[in-house]
Amino acid sequence: MRTLPPVHPGEVLREGFMKPLGLSQYRLAKDIGVPALRISQIVRGQRAITADTALRLARYFGTSPDVWLRLQVTYDLEVAQRQIGRRIAREVRALHQTPA
């Protein structure tokens, strides 16, 4: 069974906020005081949402900054799990399994 790829927070921003509100990347960037390139990279999944960006998006959309940062952390963990999870499971033993 194939699992779905992790959802980048930029996709949530684009599909859940920008499209329904008819916001362009340029308009959002201008309104929240960041370079347009930052928003472009976020919505294309090429840049992470930082604390600064999370604070700005939260203020603008009336959400919590935690929402944006949790989306980013969840995405990062899913990507890491897929890329290095098995290797870490082989290399690192749980504390209760480590010889004294």
PDB file of N, CA and C in Angstrom:
ATOM      1  N   MET A   1       0.841  -1.184   0.000  1.00  0.00           N
ATOM      2  CA  MET A   1       0.000   0.000   0.000  1.00  0.00           C
ATOM      3  C   MET A   1       0.885   1.246   0.000  1.00  0.00           C
ATOM      4  N   ARG A   2       0.648   2.124  -0.944  1.00  0.00           N
ATOM      5  CA  ARG A   2       1.423   3.365  -1.040  1.00  0.00           C
ATOM      6  C   ARG A   2       0.860   4.408  -0.093  1.00  0.00           C
ATOM      7  N   THR A   3       1.761   5.115   0.541  1.00  0.00           N
ATOM      8  CA  THR A   3       1.325   6.207   1.403  1.00  0.00           C
ATOM      9  C   THR A   3       1.408   7.513   0.625  1.00  0.00           C
ATOM     10  N   LEU A   4       0.581   8.436   1.005  1.00  0.00           N
ATOM     11  CA  LEU A   4       0.582   9.739   0.352  1.00  0.00           C
ATOM     12  C   LEU A   4       1.816  10.522   0.775  1.00  0.00           C
ATOM     13  N   PRO A   5       2.327  11.355  -0.117  1.00  0.00           N
ATOM     14  CA  PRO A   5       3.477  12.174   0.273  1.00  0.00           C
ATOM     15  C   PRO A   5       3.068  13.184   1.344  1.00  0.00           C
ATOM     16  N   PRO A   6       4.012  13.602   2.169  1.00  0.00           N
ATOM     17  CA  PRO A   6       3.682  14.591   3.193  1.00  0.00           C
ATOM     18  C   PRO A   6       3.207  15.892   2.547  1.00  0.00           C
ATOM     19  N   VAL A   7       2.325  16.582   3.233  1.00  0.00           N
ATOM     20  CA  VAL A   7       1.782  17.840   2.724  1.00  0.00           C
ATOM     21  C   VAL A   7       2.632  18.995   3.257  1.00  0.00           C
ATOM     22  N   HIS A   8       3.225  19.733   2.338  1.00  0.00           N
ATOM     23  CA  HIS A   8       4.028  20.895   2.727  1.00  0.00           C
ATOM     24  C   HIS A   8       3.085  22.011   3.188  1.00  0.00           C
ATOM     25  N   PRO A   9       3.477  22.773   4.206  1.00  0.00           N
ATOM     26  CA  PRO A   9       2.617  23.861   4.670  1.00  0.00           C
ATOM     27  C   PRO A   9       2.316  24.889   3.581  1.00  0.00           C
ATOM     28  N   GLY A  10       3.186  24.990   2.597  1.00  0.00           N
ATOM     29  CA  GLY A  10       2.917  25.895   1.485  1.00  0.00           C
ATOM     30  C   GLY A  10       1.689  25.491   0.695  1.00  0.00           C
ATOM     31  N   GLU A  11       1.445  24.193   0.611  1.00  0.00           N
ATOM     32  CA  GLU A  11       0.235  23.715  -0.071  1.00  0.00           C
ATOM     33  C   GLU A  11      -1.007  24.104   0.725  1.00  0.00           C
ATOM     34  N   VAL A  12      -0.921  24.002   2.033  1.00  0.00           N
ATOM     35  CA  VAL A  12      -2.035  24.420   2.895  1.00  0.00           C
ATOM     36  C   VAL A  12      -2.270  25.916   2.733  1.00  0.00           C
ATOM     37  N   LEU A  13      -1.202  26.685   2.724  1.00  0.00           N
ATOM     38  CA  LEU A  13      -1.314  28.133   2.543  1.00  0.00           C
ATOM     39  C   LEU A  13      -1.989  28.454   1.217  1.00  0.00           C
ATOM     40  N   ARG A  14      -1.525  27.823   0.150  1.00  0.00           N
ATOM     41  CA  ARG A  14      -2.057  28.094  -1.189  1.00  0.00           C
ATOM     42  C   ARG A  14      -3.508  27.637  -1.339  1.00  0.00           C
ATOM     43  N   GLU A  15      -3.759  26.365  -1.003  1.00  0.00           N
ATOM     44  CA  GLU A  15      -5.078  25.781  -1.256  1.00  0.00           C
ATOM     45  C   GLU A  15      -6.124  26.154  -0.204  1.00  0.00           C
ATOM     46  N   GLY A  16      -5.695  26.318   1.036  1.00  0.00           N
ATOM     47  CA  GLY A  16      -6.647  26.571   2.111  1.00  0.00           C
ATOM     48  C   GLY A  16      -6.890  28.030   2.422  1.00  0.00           C
ATOM     49  N   PHE A  17      -5.977  28.890   1.991  1.00  0.00           N
ATOM     50  CA  PHE A  17      -6.096  30.304   2.331  1.00  0.00           C
ATOM     51  C   PHE A  17      -6.059  31.209   1.103  1.00  0.00           C
ATOM     52  N   MET A  18      -5.019  31.096   0.307  1.00  0.00           N
ATOM     53  CA  MET A  18      -4.851  32.029  -0.799  1.00  0.00           C
ATOM     54  C   MET A  18      -5.896  31.852  -1.899  1.00  0.00           C
ATOM     55  N   LYS A  19      -6.069  30.619  -2.356  1.00  0.00           N
ATOM     56  CA  LYS A  19      -7.042  30.393  -3.441  1.00  0.00           C
ATOM     57  C   LYS A  19      -8.460  30.784  -3.039  1.00  0.00           C
ATOM     58  N   PRO A  20      -8.955  30.302  -1.882  1.00  0.00           N
ATOM     59  CA  PRO A  20     -10.327  30.670  -1.512  1.00  0.00           C
ATOM     60  C   PRO A  20     -10.538  32.178  -1.362  1.00  0.00           C
ATOM     61  N   LEU A  21      -9.485  32.896  -0.975  1.00  0.00           N
ATOM     62  CA  LEU A  21      -9.598  34.340  -0.775  1.00  0.00           C
ATOM     63  C   LEU A  21      -9.180  35.141  -2.007  1.00  0.00           C
ATOM     64  N   GLY A  22      -8.763  34.445  -3.050  1.00  0.00           N
ATOM     65  CA  GLY A  22      -8.335  35.124  -4.268  1.00  0.00           C
ATOM     66  C   GLY A  22      -7.075  35.959  -4.086  1.00  0.00           C
ATOM     67  N   LEU A  23      -6.180  35.516  -3.216  1.00  0.00           N
ATOM     68  CA  LEU A  23      -4.944  36.256  -2.934  1.00  0.00           C
ATOM     69  C   LEU A  23      -3.811  35.784  -3.838  1.00  0.00           C
ATOM     70  N   SER A  24      -3.135  36.721  -4.448  1.00  0.00           N
ATOM     71  CA  SER A  24      -1.937  36.378  -5.214  1.00  0.00           C
ATOM     72  C   SER A  24      -0.749  36.289  -4.261  1.00  0.00           C
ATOM     73  N   GLN A  25       0.296  35.652  -4.728  1.00  0.00           N
ATOM     74  CA  GLN A  25       1.515  35.579  -3.929  1.00  0.00           C
ATOM     75  C   GLN A  25       2.057  36.980  -3.662  1.00  0.00           C
ATOM     76  N   TYR A  26       2.029  37.815  -4.677  1.00  0.00           N
ATOM     77  CA  TYR A  26       2.533  39.180  -4.531  1.00  0.00           C
ATOM     78  C   TYR A  26       1.736  39.958  -3.489  1.00  0.00           C
ATOM     79  N   ARG A  27       0.432  39.853  -3.572  1.00  0.00           N
ATOM     80  CA  ARG A  27      -0.430  40.584  -2.625  1.00  0.00           C
ATOM     81  C   ARG A  27      -0.184  40.122  -1.197  1.00  0.00           C
ATOM     82  N   LEU A  28      -0.127  38.812  -0.990  1.00  0.00           N
ATOM     83  CA  LEU A  28       0.127  38.296   0.351  1.00  0.00           C
ATOM     84  C   LEU A  28       1.481  38.779   0.857  1.00  0.00           C
ATOM     85  N   ALA A  29       2.497  38.665   0.027  1.00  0.00           N
ATOM     86  CA  ALA A  29       3.839  39.100   0.435  1.00  0.00           C
ATOM     87  C   ALA A  29       3.844  40.574   0.818  1.00  0.00           C
ATOM     88  N   LYS A  30       3.225  41.392  -0.004  1.00  0.00           N
ATOM     89  CA  LYS A  30       3.176  42.834   0.267  1.00  0.00           C
ATOM     90  C   LYS A  30       2.422  43.114   1.562  1.00  0.00           C
ATOM     91  N   ASP A  31       1.291  42.449   1.743  1.00  0.00           N
ATOM     92  CA  ASP A  31       0.454  42.696   2.923  1.00  0.00           C
ATOM     93  C   ASP A  31       1.120  42.276   4.230  1.00  0.00           C
ATOM     94  N   ILE A  32       1.958  41.232   4.179  1.00  0.00           N
ATOM     95  CA  ILE A  32       2.586  40.784   5.428  1.00  0.00           C
ATOM     96  C   ILE A  32       4.038  41.261   5.555  1.00  0.00           C
ATOM     97  N   GLY A  33       4.502  42.015   4.575  1.00  0.00           N
ATOM     98  CA  GLY A  33       5.816  42.636   4.677  1.00  0.00           C
ATOM     99  C   GLY A  33       7.001  41.719   4.475  1.00  0.00           C
ATOM    100  N   VAL A  34       6.869  40.781   3.536  1.00  0.00           N
ATOM    101  CA  VAL A  34       7.992  39.892   3.218  1.00  0.00           C
ATOM    102  C   VAL A  34       8.251  39.942   1.716  1.00  0.00           C
ATOM    103  N   PRO A  35       9.437  39.517   1.282  1.00  0.00           N
ATOM    104  CA  PRO A  35       9.699  39.474  -0.161  1.00  0.00           C
ATOM    105  C   PRO A  35       8.769  38.479  -0.862  1.00  0.00           C
ATOM    106  N   ALA A  36       8.355  38.832  -2.063  1.00  0.00           N
ATOM    107  CA  ALA A  36       7.478  37.946  -2.834  1.00  0.00           C
ATOM    108  C   ALA A  36       8.137  36.591  -3.072  1.00  0.00           C
ATOM    109  N   LEU A  37       9.453  36.581  -3.205  1.00  0.00           N
ATOM    110  CA  LEU A  37      10.172  35.326  -3.414  1.00  0.00           C
ATOM    111  C   LEU A  37       9.947  34.361  -2.252  1.00  0.00           C
ATOM    112  N   ARG A  38       9.855  34.879  -1.043  1.00  0.00           N
ATOM    113  CA  ARG A  38       9.631  34.009   0.121  1.00  0.00           C
ATOM    114  C   ARG A  38       8.302  33.271  -0.007  1.00  0.00           C
ATOM    115  N   ILE A  39       7.252  33.994  -0.349  1.00  0.00           N
ATOM    116  CA  ILE A  39       5.933  33.358  -0.487  1.00  0.00           C
ATOM    117  C   ILE A  39       5.948  32.384  -1.653  1.00  0.00           C
ATOM    118  N   SER A  40       6.559  32.776  -2.755  1.00  0.00           N
ATOM    119  CA  SER A  40       6.650  31.894  -3.918  1.00  0.00           C
ATOM    120  C   SER A  40       7.335  30.582  -3.555  1.00  0.00           C
ATOM    121  N   GLN A  41       8.445  30.665  -2.846  1.00  0.00           N
ATOM    122  CA  GLN A  41       9.169  29.456  -2.462  1.00  0.00           C
ATOM    123  C   GLN A  41       8.373  28.610  -1.473  1.00  0.00           C
ATOM    124  N   ILE A  42       7.664  29.241  -0.568  1.00  0.00           N
ATOM    125  CA  ILE A  42       6.850  28.491   0.399  1.00  0.00           C
ATOM    126  C   ILE A  42       5.741  27.736  -0.320  1.00  0.00           C
ATOM    127  N   VAL A  43       4.993  28.402  -1.178  1.00  0.00           N
ATOM    128  CA  VAL A  43       3.862  27.732  -1.828  1.00  0.00           C
ATOM    129  C   VAL A  43       4.314  26.660  -2.817  1.00  0.00           C
ATOM    130  N   ARG A  44       5.567  26.734  -3.282  1.00  0.00           N
ATOM    131  CA  ARG A  44       6.106  25.690  -4.155  1.00  0.00           C
ATOM    132  C   ARG A  44       6.799  24.584  -3.368  1.00  0.00           C
ATOM    133  N   GLY A  45       6.775  24.677  -2.047  1.00  0.00           N
ATOM    134  CA  GLY A  45       7.381  23.644  -1.217  1.00  0.00           C
ATOM    135  C   GLY A  45       8.892  23.689  -1.193  1.00  0.00           C
ATOM    136  N   GLN A  46       9.469  24.830  -1.522  1.00  0.00           N
ATOM    137  CA  GLN A  46      10.923  24.965  -1.588  1.00  0.00           C
ATOM    138  C   GLN A  46      11.514  25.695  -0.391  1.00  0.00           C
ATOM    139  N   ARG A  47      10.666  26.146   0.505  1.00  0.00           N
ATOM    140  CA  ARG A  47      11.131  26.901   1.668  1.00  0.00           C
ATOM    141  C   ARG A  47      10.245  26.570   2.854  1.00  0.00           C
ATOM    142  N   ALA A  48      10.861  26.518   4.012  1.00  0.00           N
ATOM    143  CA  ALA A  48      10.117  26.238   5.239  1.00  0.00           C
ATOM    144  C   ALA A  48       9.467  27.514   5.773  1.00  0.00           C
ATOM    145  N   ILE A  49       8.436  27.320   6.561  1.00  0.00           N
ATOM    146  CA  ILE A  49       7.820  28.441   7.267  1.00  0.00           C
ATOM    147  C   ILE A  49       8.597  28.652   8.561  1.00  0.00           C
ATOM    148  N   THR A  50       9.168  29.828   8.694  1.00  0.00           N
ATOM    149  CA  THR A  50       9.939  30.180   9.888  1.00  0.00           C
ATOM    150  C   THR A  50       9.014  30.774  10.945  1.00  0.00           C
ATOM    151  N   ALA A  51       9.554  30.983  12.133  1.00  0.00           N
ATOM    152  CA  ALA A  51       8.775  31.618  13.200  1.00  0.00           C
ATOM    153  C   ALA A  51       8.316  33.008  12.767  1.00  0.00           C
ATOM    154  N   ASP A  52       9.188  33.750  12.102  1.00  0.00           N
ATOM    155  CA  ASP A  52       8.831  35.087  11.619  1.00  0.00           C
ATOM    156  C   ASP A  52       7.643  35.027  10.661  1.00  0.00           C
ATOM    157  N   THR A  53       7.722  34.136   9.698  1.00  0.00           N
ATOM    158  CA  THR A  53       6.635  34.003   8.727  1.00  0.00           C
ATOM    159  C   THR A  53       5.368  33.507   9.404  1.00  0.00           C
ATOM    160  N   ALA A  54       5.500  32.582  10.342  1.00  0.00           N
ATOM    161  CA  ALA A  54       4.331  32.067  11.068  1.00  0.00           C
ATOM    162  C   ALA A  54       3.625  33.185  11.820  1.00  0.00           C
ATOM    163  N   LEU A  55       4.380  34.054  12.463  1.00  0.00           N
ATOM    164  CA  LEU A  55       3.777  35.186  13.181  1.00  0.00           C
ATOM    165  C   LEU A  55       3.031  36.107  12.224  1.00  0.00           C
ATOM    166  N   ARG A  56       3.616  36.360  11.079  1.00  0.00           N
ATOM    167  CA  ARG A  56       2.995  37.252  10.093  1.00  0.00           C
ATOM    168  C   ARG A  56       1.728  36.626   9.495  1.00  0.00           C
ATOM    169  N   LEU A  57       1.811  35.350   9.125  1.00  0.00           N
ATOM    170  CA  LEU A  57       0.632  34.671   8.566  1.00  0.00           C
ATOM    171  C   LEU A  57      -0.489  34.591   9.588  1.00  0.00           C
ATOM    172  N   ALA A  58      -0.136  34.304  10.829  1.00  0.00           N
ATOM    173  CA  ALA A  58      -1.142  34.200  11.889  1.00  0.00           C
ATOM    174  C   ALA A  58      -1.861  35.526  12.091  1.00  0.00           C
ATOM    175  N   ARG A  59      -1.113  36.593  12.136  1.00  0.00           N
ATOM    176  CA  ARG A  59      -1.711  37.923  12.313  1.00  0.00           C
ATOM    177  C   ARG A  59      -2.627  38.248  11.134  1.00  0.00           C
ATOM    178  N   TYR A  60      -2.175  37.970   9.945  1.00  0.00           N
ATOM    179  CA  TYR A  60      -2.911  38.302   8.729  1.00  0.00           C
ATOM    180  C   TYR A  60      -4.199  37.492   8.590  1.00  0.00           C
ATOM    181  N   PHE A  61      -4.105  36.184   8.817  1.00  0.00           N
ATOM    182  CA  PHE A  61      -5.260  35.311   8.609  1.00  0.00           C
ATOM    183  C   PHE A  61      -6.082  35.078   9.870  1.00  0.00           C
ATOM    184  N   GLY A  62      -5.658  35.615  11.004  1.00  0.00           N
ATOM    185  CA  GLY A  62      -6.412  35.426  12.241  1.00  0.00           C
ATOM    186  C   GLY A  62      -6.287  34.021  12.804  1.00  0.00           C
ATOM    187  N   THR A  63      -5.133  33.421  12.603  1.00  0.00           N
ATOM    188  CA  THR A  63      -4.879  32.086  13.141  1.00  0.00           C
ATOM    189  C   THR A  63      -3.841  32.210  14.251  1.00  0.00           C
ATOM    190  N   SER A  64      -3.392  31.080  14.738  1.00  0.00           N
ATOM    191  CA  SER A  64      -2.314  31.049  15.719  1.00  0.00           C
ATOM    192  C   SER A  64      -1.003  30.762  14.991  1.00  0.00           C
ATOM    193  N   PRO A  65       0.102  31.357  15.432  1.00  0.00           N
ATOM    194  CA  PRO A  65       1.384  31.004  14.819  1.00  0.00           C
ATOM    195  C   PRO A  65       1.696  29.517  14.982  1.00  0.00           C
ATOM    196  N   ASP A  66       1.180  28.935  16.062  1.00  0.00           N
ATOM    197  CA  ASP A  66       1.390  27.505  16.303  1.00  0.00           C
ATOM    198  C   ASP A  66       0.869  26.656  15.149  1.00  0.00           C
ATOM    199  N   VAL A  67      -0.214  27.070  14.548  1.00  0.00           N
ATOM    200  CA  VAL A  67      -0.791  26.317  13.425  1.00  0.00           C
ATOM    201  C   VAL A  67       0.251  26.163  12.322  1.00  0.00           C
ATOM    202  N   TRP A  68       0.881  27.255  11.955  1.00  0.00           N
ATOM    203  CA  TRP A  68       1.841  27.245  10.856  1.00  0.00           C
ATOM    204  C   TRP A  68       3.100  26.476  11.226  1.00  0.00           C
ATOM    205  N   LEU A  69       3.567  26.662  12.452  1.00  0.00           N
ATOM    206  CA  LEU A  69       4.780  25.952  12.866  1.00  0.00           C
ATOM    207  C   LEU A  69       4.528  24.462  13.035  1.00  0.00           C
ATOM    208  N   ARG A  70       3.355  24.087  13.506  1.00  0.00           N
ATOM    209  CA  ARG A  70       3.035  22.652  13.622  1.00  0.00           C
ATOM    210  C   ARG A  70       2.959  21.996  12.252  1.00  0.00           C
ATOM    211  N   LEU A  71       2.376  22.702  11.291  1.00  0.00           N
ATOM    212  CA  LEU A  71       2.346  22.173   9.923  1.00  0.00           C
ATOM    213  C   LEU A  71       3.766  21.923   9.422  1.00  0.00           C
ATOM    214  N   GLN A  72       4.662  22.866   9.698  1.00  0.00           N
ATOM    215  CA  GLN A  72       6.043  22.724   9.238  1.00  0.00           C
ATOM    216  C   GLN A  72       6.749  21.582   9.946  1.00  0.00           C
ATOM    217  N   VAL A  73       6.595  21.500  11.263  1.00  0.00           N
ATOM    218  CA  VAL A  73       7.260  20.438  12.024  1.00  0.00           C
ATOM    219  C   VAL A  73       6.730  19.068  11.610  1.00  0.00           C
ATOM    220  N   THR A  74       5.432  18.955  11.427  1.00  0.00           N
ATOM    221  CA  THR A  74       4.841  17.689  10.989  1.00  0.00           C
ATOM    222  C   THR A  74       5.408  17.279   9.634  1.00  0.00           C
ATOM    223  N   TYR A  75       5.479  18.229   8.730  1.00  0.00           N
ATOM    224  CA  TYR A  75       6.046  17.952   7.408  1.00  0.00           C
ATOM    225  C   TYR A  75       7.504  17.506   7.527  1.00  0.00           C
ATOM    226  N   ASP A  76       8.289  18.261   8.279  1.00  0.00           N
ATOM    227  CA  ASP A  76       9.711  17.938   8.434  1.00  0.00           C
ATOM    228  C   ASP A  76       9.912  16.545   9.029  1.00  0.00           C
ATOM    229  N   LEU A  77       9.118  16.195  10.029  1.00  0.00           N
ATOM    230  CA  LEU A  77       9.239  14.876  10.651  1.00  0.00           C
ATOM    231  C   LEU A  77       8.849  13.756   9.693  1.00  0.00           C
ATOM    232  N   GLU A  78       7.790  13.968   8.923  1.00  0.00           N
ATOM    233  CA  GLU A  78       7.379  12.948   7.956  1.00  0.00           C
ATOM    234  C   GLU A  78       8.453  12.736   6.895  1.00  0.00           C
ATOM    235  N   VAL A  79       9.037  13.813   6.421  1.00  0.00           N
ATOM    236  CA  VAL A  79      10.105  13.701   5.424  1.00  0.00           C
ATOM    237  C   VAL A  79      11.303  12.975   6.024  1.00  0.00           C
ATOM    238  N   ALA A  80      11.702  13.356   7.228  1.00  0.00           N
ATOM    239  CA  ALA A  80      12.847  12.712   7.883  1.00  0.00           C
ATOM    240  C   ALA A  80      12.575  11.232   8.129  1.00  0.00           C
ATOM    241  N   GLN A  81      11.371  10.912   8.564  1.00  0.00           N
ATOM    242  CA  GLN A  81      11.018   9.510   8.818  1.00  0.00           C
ATOM    243  C   GLN A  81      11.170   8.683   7.547  1.00  0.00           C
ATOM    244  N   ARG A  82      10.720   9.222   6.446  1.00  0.00           N
ATOM    245  CA  ARG A  82      10.822   8.508   5.173  1.00  0.00           C
ATOM    246  C   ARG A  82      12.271   8.390   4.702  1.00  0.00           C
ATOM    247  N   GLN A  83      13.058   9.424   4.937  1.00  0.00           N
ATOM    248  CA  GLN A  83      14.424   9.441   4.420  1.00  0.00           C
ATOM    249  C   GLN A  83      15.410   8.693   5.305  1.00  0.00           C
ATOM    250  N   ILE A  84      15.286   8.845   6.616  1.00  0.00           N
ATOM    251  CA  ILE A  84      16.312   8.281   7.504  1.00  0.00           C
ATOM    252  C   ILE A  84      15.758   7.483   8.677  1.00  0.00           C
ATOM    253  N   GLY A  85      14.455   7.313   8.741  1.00  0.00           N
ATOM    254  CA  GLY A  85      13.846   6.617   9.874  1.00  0.00           C
ATOM    255  C   GLY A  85      14.353   5.206  10.080  1.00  0.00           C
ATOM    256  N   ARG A  86      14.444   4.425   9.019  1.00  0.00           N
ATOM    257  CA  ARG A  86      14.903   3.033   9.146  1.00  0.00           C
ATOM    258  C   ARG A  86      16.361   2.963   9.585  1.00  0.00           C
ATOM    259  N   ARG A  87      17.173   3.838   9.016  1.00  0.00           N
ATOM    260  CA  ARG A  87      18.586   3.845   9.382  1.00  0.00           C
ATOM    261  C   ARG A  87      18.758   4.189  10.862  1.00  0.00           C
ATOM    262  N   ILE A  88      18.024   5.162  11.341  1.00  0.00           N
ATOM    263  CA  ILE A  88      18.111   5.540  12.750  1.00  0.00           C
ATOM    264  C   ILE A  88      17.630   4.399  13.638  1.00  0.00           C
ATOM    265  N   ALA A  89      16.582   3.712  13.208  1.00  0.00           N
ATOM    266  CA  ALA A  89      16.078   2.571  13.989  1.00  0.00           C
ATOM    267  C   ALA A  89      17.140   1.478  14.110  1.00  0.00           C
ATOM    268  N   ARG A  90      17.955   1.305  13.072  1.00  0.00           N
ATOM    269  CA  ARG A  90      19.041   0.316  13.129  1.00  0.00           C
ATOM    270  C   ARG A  90      20.205   0.802  13.984  1.00  0.00           C
ATOM    271  N   GLU A  91      20.519   2.081  13.902  1.00  0.00           N
ATOM    272  CA  GLU A  91      21.714   2.622  14.551  1.00  0.00           C
ATOM    273  C   GLU A  91      21.526   2.975  16.023  1.00  0.00           C
ATOM    274  N   VAL A  92      20.327   3.366  16.405  1.00  0.00           N
ATOM    275  CA  VAL A  92      20.099   3.871  17.760  1.00  0.00           C
ATOM    276  C   VAL A  92      19.203   2.910  18.516  1.00  0.00           C
ATOM    277  N   ARG A  93      19.707   2.423  19.633  1.00  0.00           N
ATOM    278  CA  ARG A  93      18.909   1.527  20.471  1.00  0.00           C
ATOM    279  C   ARG A  93      18.210   2.336  21.547  1.00  0.00           C
ATOM    280  N   ALA A  94      17.008   1.921  21.872  1.00  0.00           N
ATOM    281  CA  ALA A  94      16.269   2.579  22.950  1.00  0.00           C
ATOM    282  C   ALA A  94      17.017   2.383  24.257  1.00  0.00           C
ATOM    283  N   LEU A  95      16.876   3.299  25.173  1.00  0.00           N
ATOM    284  CA  LEU A  95      17.600   3.273  26.436  1.00  0.00           C
ATOM    285  C   LEU A  95      17.439   1.947  27.157  1.00  0.00           C
ATOM    286  N   HIS A  96      16.222   1.413  27.198  1.00  0.00           N
ATOM    287  CA  HIS A  96      15.998   0.151  27.906  1.00  0.00           C
ATOM    288  C   HIS A  96      16.640  -1.048  27.204  1.00  0.00           C
ATOM    289  N   GLN A  97      17.087  -0.891  25.960  1.00  0.00           N
ATOM    290  CA  GLN A  97      17.742  -1.968  25.222  1.00  0.00           C
ATOM    291  C   GLN A  97      19.266  -1.854  25.259  1.00  0.00           C
ATOM    292  N   THR A  98      19.774  -0.764  25.791  1.00  0.00           N
ATOM    293  CA  THR A  98      21.210  -0.536  25.826  1.00  0.00           C
ATOM    294  C   THR A  98      21.832  -1.287  26.995  1.00  0.00           C
ATOM    295  N   PRO A  99      22.892  -2.051  26.735  1.00  0.00           N
ATOM    296  CA  PRO A  99      23.547  -2.759  27.843  1.00  0.00           C
ATOM    297  C   PRO A  99      24.098  -1.767  28.864  1.00  0.00           C
ATOM    298  N   ALA A 100      24.018  -2.141  30.132  1.00  0.00           N
ATOM    299  CA  ALA A 100      24.471  -1.257  31.216  1.00  0.00           C
ATOM    300  C   ALA A 100      25.963  -1.131  31.269  1.00  0.00           C
TER     301      ALA A 100
END
